[in-house]
Amino acid sequence: MRKLEKRLVTLTVALVVGGLLSPFFAEGAQTMDLPDGSKLDLSKPCPVCEMKLVPGPNSPAAVVFKDGAVVGLDANSDFFKYVLEPEKYKYSKSDIKSLFVMTMDGKTFFDATKVYFVIAPGDSGQMGAEIIAFVDKAEAEKFSKSKTGSKVVSFIDVSLSDVQPKKKMLKMKQSSPDPAKPHGSHGGH
C-alpha cells in the first residue's frame, strides 16, 4: 500500500506543478513563448555558464536573431555577458532582432532595452553581480535601497565590468623600497 501512496503523491505533485507552470510553457515544457512569437528552447544549456535553463525570477533571458535563432541565457548576468561580448560568442550585434529578460516576478518576458536593472553585488565574489529586472523604475529604486552597494541603470548603462566577478586580490605588505638596494635585500641582515 505504501508504494501506491508514494506513486499517488508523486503523480499529484507532478500534476499540480505542471498545471501551475503550464501557462509559461508551450509544447510540453520544452519551450517558452517569447513576446515576439519566437520560442525559447529550454533543453539547450546557457552558452555562458553551461547550466540548464530553469524558469524563475530573473531567469531565463533570451536573444533572438534576425534569422530566427534563439539563444537562451540562464540569468540576467549571463545575458549581459553574452550581449556585451559578441566577439567571444561569435555573432554580430547587427544580427540581433530582439532582447528579452524575465523580471523578478518570474512570469513575463520584457524587452530588455525598456526595463530598469538593479545591479547588486553578489553574495559570492566568484559569481559576480546580481542583475534584477524591473518594468517600473520606482519599484527598481525601492528594491535597490534594500541592497547595499546596488544601483539602478537602464539597459544601455550596463557594462561588462558590472557583470564580471569582483576577484579579491591579496596584496603583500611591502616596506618602502630603497632604490640603492636590490629587491631581494633584507636590510643588512
N, C-alpha and C. Protein backbone atom coordinates (compact mmCIF):
# COMPACT_ATOMS: atom_id res chain seq x y z
N MET A 1 0.82 -1.19 0.00
CA MET A 1 0.00 0.00 0.00
C MET A 1 0.87 1.26 0.00
N ARG A 2 2.03 1.22 0.66
CA ARG A 2 2.91 2.38 0.72
C ARG A 2 3.38 2.81 -0.66
N LYS A 3 3.71 1.85 -1.52
CA LYS A 3 4.17 2.16 -2.87
C LYS A 3 3.09 2.90 -3.64
N LEU A 4 1.85 2.46 -3.47
CA LEU A 4 0.73 3.11 -4.15
C LEU A 4 0.56 4.54 -3.65
N GLU A 5 0.68 4.73 -2.34
CA GLU A 5 0.57 6.08 -1.77
C GLU A 5 1.68 6.99 -2.31
N LYS A 6 2.91 6.50 -2.36
CA LYS A 6 4.03 7.28 -2.87
C LYS A 6 3.79 7.66 -4.32
N ARG A 7 3.30 6.71 -5.12
CA ARG A 7 3.03 7.00 -6.53
C ARG A 7 1.94 8.05 -6.67
N LEU A 8 0.91 7.96 -5.86
CA LEU A 8 -0.18 8.94 -5.91
C LEU A 8 0.31 10.34 -5.52
N VAL A 9 1.13 10.40 -4.50
CA VAL A 9 1.70 11.68 -4.07
C VAL A 9 2.58 12.25 -5.19
N THR A 10 3.43 11.43 -5.76
CA THR A 10 4.31 11.87 -6.85
C THR A 10 3.49 12.35 -8.04
N LEU A 11 2.47 11.61 -8.40
CA LEU A 11 1.61 11.99 -9.52
C LEU A 11 0.88 13.29 -9.23
N THR A 12 0.37 13.44 -8.02
CA THR A 12 -0.33 14.66 -7.63
C THR A 12 0.59 15.87 -7.70
N VAL A 13 1.81 15.74 -7.16
CA VAL A 13 2.78 16.83 -7.20
C VAL A 13 3.10 17.20 -8.64
N ALA A 14 3.32 16.20 -9.48
CA ALA A 14 3.64 16.46 -10.88
C ALA A 14 2.49 17.18 -11.58
N LEU A 15 1.27 16.77 -11.31
CA LEU A 15 0.12 17.42 -11.93
C LEU A 15 -0.05 18.86 -11.45
N VAL A 16 0.13 19.08 -10.16
CA VAL A 16 0.00 20.43 -9.60
C VAL A 16 1.08 21.35 -10.16
N VAL A 17 2.33 20.90 -10.09
CA VAL A 17 3.43 21.72 -10.60
C VAL A 17 3.26 21.95 -12.10
N GLY A 18 2.94 20.91 -12.83
CA GLY A 18 2.72 21.05 -14.27
C GLY A 18 1.59 22.00 -14.57
N GLY A 19 0.52 21.92 -13.80
CA GLY A 19 -0.62 22.81 -14.00
C GLY A 19 -0.30 24.25 -13.67
N LEU A 20 0.50 24.46 -12.63
CA LEU A 20 0.85 25.82 -12.24
C LEU A 20 1.82 26.46 -13.23
N LEU A 21 2.71 25.66 -13.79
CA LEU A 21 3.72 26.20 -14.68
C LEU A 21 3.29 26.19 -16.15
N SER A 22 2.22 25.49 -16.48
CA SER A 22 1.84 25.35 -17.88
C SER A 22 1.60 26.66 -18.62
N PRO A 23 1.11 27.74 -17.97
CA PRO A 23 0.95 28.98 -18.74
C PRO A 23 2.26 29.55 -19.26
N PHE A 24 3.38 29.16 -18.67
CA PHE A 24 4.67 29.70 -19.08
C PHE A 24 5.34 28.88 -20.18
N PHE A 25 4.82 27.71 -20.43
CA PHE A 25 5.46 26.80 -21.37
C PHE A 25 4.57 26.51 -22.55
N ALA A 26 5.20 26.14 -23.63
CA ALA A 26 4.48 25.64 -24.80
C ALA A 26 5.11 24.30 -25.17
N GLU A 27 4.40 23.50 -25.90
CA GLU A 27 4.94 22.24 -26.42
C GLU A 27 5.57 21.36 -25.34
N GLY A 28 4.82 21.04 -24.29
CA GLY A 28 5.27 20.06 -23.31
C GLY A 28 6.45 20.47 -22.46
N ALA A 29 6.54 21.68 -22.03
CA ALA A 29 7.53 22.17 -21.08
C ALA A 29 8.96 22.19 -21.63
N GLN A 30 9.13 22.10 -22.94
CA GLN A 30 10.47 22.18 -23.51
C GLN A 30 10.77 23.56 -24.10
N THR A 31 9.75 24.38 -24.24
CA THR A 31 9.96 25.73 -24.79
C THR A 31 9.15 26.74 -23.99
N MET A 32 9.54 27.98 -24.14
CA MET A 32 8.77 29.09 -23.57
C MET A 32 8.49 30.07 -24.70
N ASP A 33 7.30 30.63 -24.70
CA ASP A 33 6.92 31.61 -25.71
C ASP A 33 7.52 32.97 -25.37
N LEU A 34 8.09 33.62 -26.37
CA LEU A 34 8.64 34.96 -26.21
C LEU A 34 7.66 35.97 -26.80
N PRO A 35 7.71 37.22 -26.37
CA PRO A 35 6.76 38.23 -26.82
C PRO A 35 6.71 38.46 -28.34
N ASP A 36 7.78 38.15 -29.05
CA ASP A 36 7.79 38.38 -30.50
C ASP A 36 7.31 37.16 -31.29
N GLY A 37 6.82 36.13 -30.58
CA GLY A 37 6.34 34.92 -31.24
C GLY A 37 7.39 33.83 -31.34
N SER A 38 8.62 34.13 -31.02
CA SER A 38 9.69 33.13 -31.02
C SER A 38 9.51 32.18 -29.85
N LYS A 39 10.21 31.06 -29.92
CA LYS A 39 10.16 30.09 -28.83
C LYS A 39 11.57 29.86 -28.30
N LEU A 40 11.68 29.87 -26.99
CA LEU A 40 12.95 29.61 -26.31
C LEU A 40 13.01 28.14 -25.95
N ASP A 41 14.01 27.43 -26.46
CA ASP A 41 14.20 26.01 -26.22
C ASP A 41 14.91 25.82 -24.88
N LEU A 42 14.21 25.26 -23.91
CA LEU A 42 14.76 25.08 -22.57
C LEU A 42 15.71 23.88 -22.47
N SER A 43 15.76 23.07 -23.51
CA SER A 43 16.64 21.90 -23.46
C SER A 43 18.09 22.24 -23.79
N LYS A 44 18.32 23.43 -24.34
CA LYS A 44 19.69 23.84 -24.67
C LYS A 44 20.30 24.57 -23.48
N PRO A 45 21.54 24.26 -23.12
CA PRO A 45 22.16 24.93 -21.96
C PRO A 45 22.55 26.38 -22.29
N CYS A 46 22.74 27.15 -21.27
CA CYS A 46 23.20 28.53 -21.40
C CYS A 46 24.61 28.52 -21.99
N PRO A 47 24.87 29.31 -23.05
CA PRO A 47 26.21 29.32 -23.65
C PRO A 47 27.27 29.99 -22.77
N VAL A 48 26.85 30.74 -21.77
CA VAL A 48 27.81 31.43 -20.90
C VAL A 48 28.24 30.53 -19.74
N CYS A 49 27.28 29.99 -19.01
CA CYS A 49 27.61 29.19 -17.82
C CYS A 49 27.40 27.69 -18.01
N GLU A 50 26.79 27.32 -19.14
CA GLU A 50 26.51 25.93 -19.49
C GLU A 50 25.53 25.24 -18.55
N MET A 51 24.76 26.03 -17.80
CA MET A 51 23.75 25.44 -16.91
C MET A 51 22.43 25.30 -17.66
N LYS A 52 21.57 24.46 -17.13
CA LYS A 52 20.24 24.25 -17.69
C LYS A 52 19.39 25.51 -17.48
N LEU A 53 18.55 25.82 -18.45
CA LEU A 53 17.65 26.96 -18.33
C LEU A 53 16.45 26.56 -17.48
N VAL A 54 16.27 27.24 -16.36
CA VAL A 54 15.18 26.94 -15.45
C VAL A 54 14.38 28.22 -15.22
N PRO A 55 13.11 28.21 -15.59
CA PRO A 55 12.28 29.41 -15.39
C PRO A 55 12.14 29.75 -13.92
N GLY A 56 12.21 31.04 -13.64
CA GLY A 56 12.05 31.54 -12.29
C GLY A 56 12.31 33.03 -12.27
N PRO A 57 12.43 33.61 -11.11
CA PRO A 57 12.71 35.05 -11.04
C PRO A 57 14.01 35.40 -11.78
N ASN A 58 13.92 36.35 -12.67
CA ASN A 58 15.07 36.83 -13.45
C ASN A 58 15.72 35.75 -14.31
N SER A 59 14.98 34.73 -14.67
CA SER A 59 15.54 33.66 -15.48
C SER A 59 14.43 32.92 -16.21
N PRO A 60 14.68 32.54 -17.43
CA PRO A 60 15.83 32.80 -18.28
C PRO A 60 15.70 34.13 -19.01
N ALA A 61 16.71 34.45 -19.79
CA ALA A 61 16.70 35.60 -20.69
C ALA A 61 16.92 35.06 -22.09
N ALA A 62 16.66 35.88 -23.12
CA ALA A 62 16.80 35.36 -24.48
C ALA A 62 17.27 36.43 -25.45
N VAL A 63 18.07 35.99 -26.42
CA VAL A 63 18.49 36.83 -27.54
C VAL A 63 17.90 36.18 -28.78
N VAL A 64 17.12 36.96 -29.54
CA VAL A 64 16.51 36.46 -30.77
C VAL A 64 17.23 37.11 -31.94
N PHE A 65 17.69 36.29 -32.86
CA PHE A 65 18.42 36.79 -34.02
C PHE A 65 17.48 36.94 -35.22
N LYS A 66 17.87 37.76 -36.16
CA LYS A 66 17.07 38.04 -37.36
C LYS A 66 16.79 36.78 -38.17
N ASP A 67 17.68 35.80 -38.11
CA ASP A 67 17.49 34.56 -38.86
C ASP A 67 16.56 33.57 -38.14
N GLY A 68 16.02 33.98 -36.97
CA GLY A 68 15.10 33.14 -36.22
C GLY A 68 15.74 32.34 -35.10
N ALA A 69 17.05 32.29 -35.05
CA ALA A 69 17.73 31.57 -33.97
C ALA A 69 17.46 32.26 -32.64
N VAL A 70 17.29 31.46 -31.60
CA VAL A 70 17.05 32.00 -30.26
C VAL A 70 18.09 31.40 -29.32
N VAL A 71 18.77 32.26 -28.58
CA VAL A 71 19.75 31.81 -27.59
C VAL A 71 19.19 32.13 -26.21
N GLY A 72 19.12 31.10 -25.37
CA GLY A 72 18.63 31.27 -24.01
C GLY A 72 19.79 31.42 -23.05
N LEU A 73 19.63 32.30 -22.06
CA LEU A 73 20.65 32.53 -21.05
C LEU A 73 20.07 32.24 -19.68
N ASP A 74 20.88 31.66 -18.82
CA ASP A 74 20.45 31.19 -17.51
C ASP A 74 19.99 32.31 -16.58
N ALA A 75 20.58 33.47 -16.67
CA ALA A 75 20.26 34.57 -15.76
C ALA A 75 20.56 35.89 -16.44
N ASN A 76 20.09 36.97 -15.86
CA ASN A 76 20.33 38.29 -16.45
C ASN A 76 21.82 38.62 -16.50
N SER A 77 22.59 38.16 -15.55
CA SER A 77 24.03 38.42 -15.59
C SER A 77 24.67 37.71 -16.78
N ASP A 78 24.26 36.48 -17.05
CA ASP A 78 24.76 35.76 -18.22
C ASP A 78 24.28 36.43 -19.51
N PHE A 79 23.07 36.93 -19.49
CA PHE A 79 22.51 37.65 -20.64
C PHE A 79 23.43 38.82 -21.01
N PHE A 80 23.82 39.61 -20.02
CA PHE A 80 24.67 40.76 -20.32
C PHE A 80 26.08 40.34 -20.73
N LYS A 81 26.60 39.30 -20.13
CA LYS A 81 27.91 38.81 -20.56
C LYS A 81 27.86 38.42 -22.04
N TYR A 82 26.79 37.78 -22.44
CA TYR A 82 26.62 37.35 -23.83
C TYR A 82 26.44 38.56 -24.76
N VAL A 83 25.57 39.46 -24.39
CA VAL A 83 25.25 40.61 -25.23
C VAL A 83 26.44 41.58 -25.35
N LEU A 84 27.21 41.71 -24.28
CA LEU A 84 28.33 42.66 -24.29
C LEU A 84 29.62 42.09 -24.87
N GLU A 85 29.64 40.80 -25.18
CA GLU A 85 30.85 40.19 -25.76
C GLU A 85 30.54 39.40 -27.03
N PRO A 86 30.05 40.08 -28.07
CA PRO A 86 29.69 39.35 -29.30
C PRO A 86 30.87 38.62 -29.95
N GLU A 87 32.06 39.17 -29.84
CA GLU A 87 33.23 38.51 -30.43
C GLU A 87 33.48 37.16 -29.77
N LYS A 88 33.36 37.13 -28.45
CA LYS A 88 33.61 35.90 -27.70
C LYS A 88 32.61 34.81 -28.07
N TYR A 89 31.35 35.21 -28.30
CA TYR A 89 30.30 34.23 -28.60
C TYR A 89 30.01 34.12 -30.09
N LYS A 90 30.85 34.77 -30.89
CA LYS A 90 30.86 34.63 -32.35
C LYS A 90 29.53 34.97 -33.03
N TYR A 91 29.07 36.20 -32.82
CA TYR A 91 27.91 36.71 -33.55
C TYR A 91 28.10 38.20 -33.76
N SER A 92 27.28 38.79 -34.60
CA SER A 92 27.33 40.22 -34.85
C SER A 92 26.13 40.89 -34.19
N LYS A 93 26.37 41.98 -33.49
CA LYS A 93 25.27 42.71 -32.84
C LYS A 93 24.20 43.13 -33.85
N SER A 94 24.61 43.39 -35.08
CA SER A 94 23.66 43.82 -36.11
C SER A 94 22.68 42.71 -36.49
N ASP A 95 22.98 41.46 -36.12
CA ASP A 95 22.10 40.32 -36.42
C ASP A 95 21.03 40.10 -35.36
N ILE A 96 21.06 40.89 -34.26
CA ILE A 96 20.09 40.72 -33.19
C ILE A 96 18.77 41.40 -33.57
N LYS A 97 17.69 40.65 -33.36
CA LYS A 97 16.34 41.16 -33.62
C LYS A 97 15.69 41.66 -32.32
N SER A 98 15.77 40.84 -31.26
CA SER A 98 15.11 41.15 -30.00
C SER A 98 15.93 40.67 -28.82
N LEU A 99 15.75 41.37 -27.69
CA LEU A 99 16.41 41.01 -26.43
C LEU A 99 15.35 40.95 -25.34
N PHE A 100 15.26 39.82 -24.66
CA PHE A 100 14.23 39.66 -23.64
C PHE A 100 14.83 39.21 -22.31
N VAL A 101 14.29 39.77 -21.24
CA VAL A 101 14.66 39.35 -19.89
C VAL A 101 13.39 39.05 -19.10
N MET A 102 13.55 38.23 -18.11
CA MET A 102 12.46 37.91 -17.19
C MET A 102 12.61 38.81 -15.98
N THR A 103 11.51 39.33 -15.50
CA THR A 103 11.56 40.19 -14.32
C THR A 103 11.50 39.35 -13.04
N MET A 104 11.56 40.05 -11.93
CA MET A 104 11.60 39.40 -10.63
C MET A 104 10.39 38.50 -10.38
N ASP A 105 9.24 38.84 -10.97
CA ASP A 105 8.04 38.02 -10.72
C ASP A 105 8.12 36.65 -11.39
N GLY A 106 9.06 36.47 -12.32
CA GLY A 106 9.26 35.19 -12.96
C GLY A 106 8.13 34.74 -13.86
N LYS A 107 7.28 35.69 -14.29
CA LYS A 107 6.11 35.32 -15.09
C LYS A 107 6.12 35.86 -16.51
N THR A 108 6.82 36.96 -16.74
CA THR A 108 6.70 37.63 -18.02
C THR A 108 8.05 38.06 -18.57
N PHE A 109 8.23 37.87 -19.88
CA PHE A 109 9.40 38.40 -20.56
C PHE A 109 9.11 39.83 -20.98
N PHE A 110 10.16 40.66 -20.90
CA PHE A 110 10.04 42.05 -21.35
C PHE A 110 11.22 42.39 -22.24
N ASP A 111 11.02 43.39 -23.09
CA ASP A 111 12.08 43.91 -23.93
C ASP A 111 13.17 44.46 -23.01
N ALA A 112 14.35 43.89 -23.09
CA ALA A 112 15.45 44.26 -22.19
C ALA A 112 15.86 45.71 -22.35
N THR A 113 15.61 46.29 -23.50
CA THR A 113 16.01 47.69 -23.72
C THR A 113 15.04 48.68 -23.09
N LYS A 114 13.93 48.17 -22.54
CA LYS A 114 12.90 49.07 -21.99
C LYS A 114 12.64 48.87 -20.50
N VAL A 115 13.48 48.10 -19.83
CA VAL A 115 13.30 47.88 -18.40
C VAL A 115 14.46 48.50 -17.64
N TYR A 116 14.35 48.49 -16.32
CA TYR A 116 15.40 49.00 -15.44
C TYR A 116 16.03 47.82 -14.73
N PHE A 117 17.31 47.94 -14.49
CA PHE A 117 18.04 46.86 -13.84
C PHE A 117 18.66 47.35 -12.54
N VAL A 118 18.52 46.52 -11.52
CA VAL A 118 19.23 46.78 -10.27
C VAL A 118 20.46 45.89 -10.31
N ILE A 119 21.62 46.51 -10.24
CA ILE A 119 22.87 45.76 -10.19
C ILE A 119 23.31 45.76 -8.74
N ALA A 120 23.29 44.57 -8.15
CA ALA A 120 23.62 44.43 -6.73
C ALA A 120 24.81 43.49 -6.60
N PRO A 121 25.74 43.86 -5.73
CA PRO A 121 26.89 42.96 -5.53
C PRO A 121 26.40 41.58 -5.12
N GLY A 122 26.97 40.55 -5.73
CA GLY A 122 26.59 39.18 -5.41
C GLY A 122 27.10 38.77 -4.04
N ASP A 123 26.50 37.73 -3.50
CA ASP A 123 26.94 37.21 -2.21
C ASP A 123 28.32 36.59 -2.30
N SER A 124 28.67 36.13 -3.50
CA SER A 124 29.95 35.49 -3.71
C SER A 124 30.73 36.26 -4.75
N GLY A 125 31.93 36.64 -4.46
CA GLY A 125 32.76 37.35 -5.41
C GLY A 125 33.06 36.52 -6.65
N GLN A 126 32.83 35.21 -6.55
CA GLN A 126 33.09 34.31 -7.66
C GLN A 126 32.10 34.50 -8.80
N MET A 127 30.83 34.72 -8.48
CA MET A 127 29.78 34.73 -9.49
C MET A 127 29.52 36.11 -10.09
N GLY A 128 29.94 37.15 -9.45
CA GLY A 128 29.68 38.48 -9.97
C GLY A 128 28.37 39.05 -9.43
N ALA A 129 27.94 40.13 -10.04
CA ALA A 129 26.77 40.85 -9.57
C ALA A 129 25.47 40.12 -9.89
N GLU A 130 24.49 40.43 -9.07
CA GLU A 130 23.12 40.00 -9.31
C GLU A 130 22.49 41.11 -10.15
N ILE A 131 21.76 40.76 -11.20
CA ILE A 131 21.11 41.77 -12.02
C ILE A 131 19.63 41.45 -12.07
N ILE A 132 18.83 42.34 -11.48
CA ILE A 132 17.40 42.11 -11.34
C ILE A 132 16.67 43.10 -12.22
N ALA A 133 15.74 42.61 -13.04
CA ALA A 133 14.99 43.46 -13.98
C ALA A 133 13.66 43.91 -13.37
N PHE A 134 13.32 45.17 -13.64
CA PHE A 134 12.06 45.76 -13.20
C PHE A 134 11.46 46.58 -14.33
N VAL A 135 10.16 46.50 -14.50
CA VAL A 135 9.48 47.30 -15.51
C VAL A 135 9.32 48.73 -14.99
N ASP A 136 9.06 48.87 -13.70
CA ASP A 136 8.80 50.17 -13.09
C ASP A 136 10.06 50.71 -12.39
N LYS A 137 10.48 51.92 -12.77
CA LYS A 137 11.70 52.50 -12.20
C LYS A 137 11.57 52.72 -10.69
N ALA A 138 10.42 53.16 -10.23
CA ALA A 138 10.22 53.40 -8.79
C ALA A 138 10.37 52.09 -8.00
N GLU A 139 9.86 51.02 -8.56
CA GLU A 139 9.99 49.71 -7.92
C GLU A 139 11.46 49.28 -7.87
N ALA A 140 12.18 49.54 -8.95
CA ALA A 140 13.61 49.22 -9.00
C ALA A 140 14.38 50.01 -7.95
N GLU A 141 14.06 51.30 -7.83
CA GLU A 141 14.75 52.14 -6.85
C GLU A 141 14.45 51.70 -5.43
N LYS A 142 13.21 51.32 -5.17
CA LYS A 142 12.83 50.83 -3.84
C LYS A 142 13.62 49.56 -3.50
N PHE A 143 13.69 48.63 -4.46
CA PHE A 143 14.43 47.39 -4.25
C PHE A 143 15.92 47.69 -4.05
N SER A 144 16.45 48.61 -4.83
CA SER A 144 17.87 48.96 -4.76
C SER A 144 18.26 49.47 -3.37
N LYS A 145 17.36 50.20 -2.74
CA LYS A 145 17.63 50.73 -1.41
C LYS A 145 17.81 49.62 -0.37
N SER A 146 17.24 48.44 -0.65
CA SER A 146 17.35 47.32 0.28
C SER A 146 18.63 46.51 0.08
N LYS A 147 19.38 46.81 -0.97
CA LYS A 147 20.61 46.08 -1.29
C LYS A 147 21.80 47.03 -1.21
N THR A 148 22.63 46.87 -0.22
CA THR A 148 23.80 47.71 -0.04
C THR A 148 24.71 47.64 -1.27
N GLY A 149 25.13 48.80 -1.75
CA GLY A 149 26.06 48.86 -2.87
C GLY A 149 25.43 48.68 -4.24
N SER A 150 24.11 48.66 -4.31
CA SER A 150 23.45 48.44 -5.60
C SER A 150 23.18 49.77 -6.30
N LYS A 151 22.84 49.65 -7.60
CA LYS A 151 22.49 50.84 -8.38
C LYS A 151 21.43 50.46 -9.40
N VAL A 152 20.65 51.47 -9.83
CA VAL A 152 19.61 51.27 -10.84
C VAL A 152 20.13 51.86 -12.14
N VAL A 153 20.04 51.06 -13.21
CA VAL A 153 20.51 51.51 -14.51
C VAL A 153 19.55 51.05 -15.60
N SER A 154 19.68 51.69 -16.75
CA SER A 154 18.93 51.24 -17.92
C SER A 154 19.81 50.25 -18.69
N PHE A 155 19.24 49.60 -19.68
CA PHE A 155 19.96 48.59 -20.48
C PHE A 155 21.28 49.13 -21.01
N ILE A 156 21.24 50.30 -21.59
CA ILE A 156 22.41 50.88 -22.25
C ILE A 156 23.54 51.19 -21.27
N ASP A 157 23.21 51.30 -19.98
CA ASP A 157 24.21 51.67 -18.98
C ASP A 157 24.90 50.48 -18.31
N VAL A 158 24.48 49.26 -18.64
CA VAL A 158 25.12 48.09 -18.05
C VAL A 158 26.43 47.85 -18.80
N SER A 159 27.50 47.69 -18.04
CA SER A 159 28.81 47.46 -18.67
C SER A 159 29.32 46.07 -18.28
N LEU A 160 30.31 45.61 -19.02
CA LEU A 160 30.90 44.31 -18.74
C LEU A 160 31.51 44.28 -17.34
N SER A 161 32.07 45.40 -16.87
CA SER A 161 32.65 45.42 -15.52
C SER A 161 31.57 45.25 -14.45
N ASP A 162 30.31 45.61 -14.77
CA ASP A 162 29.21 45.41 -13.83
C ASP A 162 28.91 43.93 -13.60
N VAL A 163 29.14 43.11 -14.61
CA VAL A 163 28.74 41.70 -14.52
C VAL A 163 29.89 40.73 -14.28
N GLN A 164 31.10 41.21 -14.33
CA GLN A 164 32.26 40.34 -14.08
C GLN A 164 32.45 40.14 -12.59
N PRO A 165 32.89 38.96 -12.19
CA PRO A 165 33.17 38.72 -10.77
C PRO A 165 34.22 39.70 -10.26
N LYS A 166 34.03 40.14 -9.06
CA LYS A 166 35.00 41.03 -8.42
C LYS A 166 35.95 40.15 -7.62
N LYS A 167 37.08 39.85 -8.22
CA LYS A 167 38.06 38.97 -7.57
C LYS A 167 38.82 39.74 -6.53
N LYS A 168 38.95 39.14 -5.38
CA LYS A 168 39.72 39.77 -4.31
C LYS A 168 41.18 39.39 -4.49
N MET A 169 41.99 40.38 -4.61
CA MET A 169 43.43 40.15 -4.77
C MET A 169 44.11 40.37 -3.43
N LEU A 170 44.94 39.44 -3.03
CA LEU A 170 45.71 39.61 -1.80
C LEU A 170 46.97 40.38 -2.14
N LYS A 171 47.18 41.44 -1.41
CA LYS A 171 48.38 42.24 -1.62
C LYS A 171 49.32 42.04 -0.46
N MET A 172 50.57 41.84 -0.79
CA MET A 172 51.56 41.68 0.26
C MET A 172 52.02 43.06 0.70
N LYS A 173 52.16 43.21 1.99
CA LYS A 173 52.62 44.48 2.52
C LYS A 173 54.12 44.59 2.27
N GLN A 174 54.51 45.70 1.67
CA GLN A 174 55.92 45.91 1.37
C GLN A 174 56.44 47.11 2.13
N SER A 175 57.71 47.03 2.54
CA SER A 175 58.32 48.19 3.17
C SER A 175 58.68 49.17 2.06
N SER A 176 58.94 50.41 2.43
CA SER A 176 59.27 51.39 1.40
C SER A 176 60.57 51.00 0.72
N PRO A 177 60.55 50.97 -0.60
CA PRO A 177 61.74 50.50 -1.33
C PRO A 177 62.89 51.50 -1.27
N ASP A 178 64.10 50.98 -1.14
CA ASP A 178 65.30 51.79 -1.18
C ASP A 178 65.92 51.54 -2.56
N PRO A 179 65.98 52.55 -3.42
CA PRO A 179 66.48 52.33 -4.77
C PRO A 179 67.91 51.81 -4.81
N ALA A 180 68.69 51.99 -3.75
CA ALA A 180 70.08 51.55 -3.74
C ALA A 180 70.21 50.06 -3.45
N LYS A 181 69.12 49.46 -2.90
CA LYS A 181 69.18 48.05 -2.53
C LYS A 181 68.41 47.22 -3.54
N PRO A 182 68.89 46.03 -3.88
CA PRO A 182 68.14 45.14 -4.77
C PRO A 182 66.86 44.65 -4.06
N HIS A 183 65.86 44.23 -4.84
CA HIS A 183 64.58 43.81 -4.28
C HIS A 183 64.70 42.66 -3.30
N GLY A 184 65.71 41.84 -3.42
CA GLY A 184 65.86 40.68 -2.55
C GLY A 184 66.58 41.03 -1.23
N SER A 185 66.96 42.26 -1.03
CA SER A 185 67.69 42.65 0.16
C SER A 185 66.82 42.60 1.40
N HIS A 186 67.42 42.21 2.51
CA HIS A 186 66.70 42.16 3.78
C HIS A 186 67.21 43.23 4.73
N GLY A 187 67.66 44.33 4.24
CA GLY A 187 68.04 45.47 5.08
C GLY A 187 69.29 45.24 5.91
N GLY A 188 70.32 44.58 5.38
CA GLY A 188 71.59 44.46 6.07
C GLY A 188 71.72 43.26 6.97
N HIS A 189 70.77 42.31 6.88
CA HIS A 189 70.90 41.10 7.71
C HIS A 189 72.01 40.26 7.23
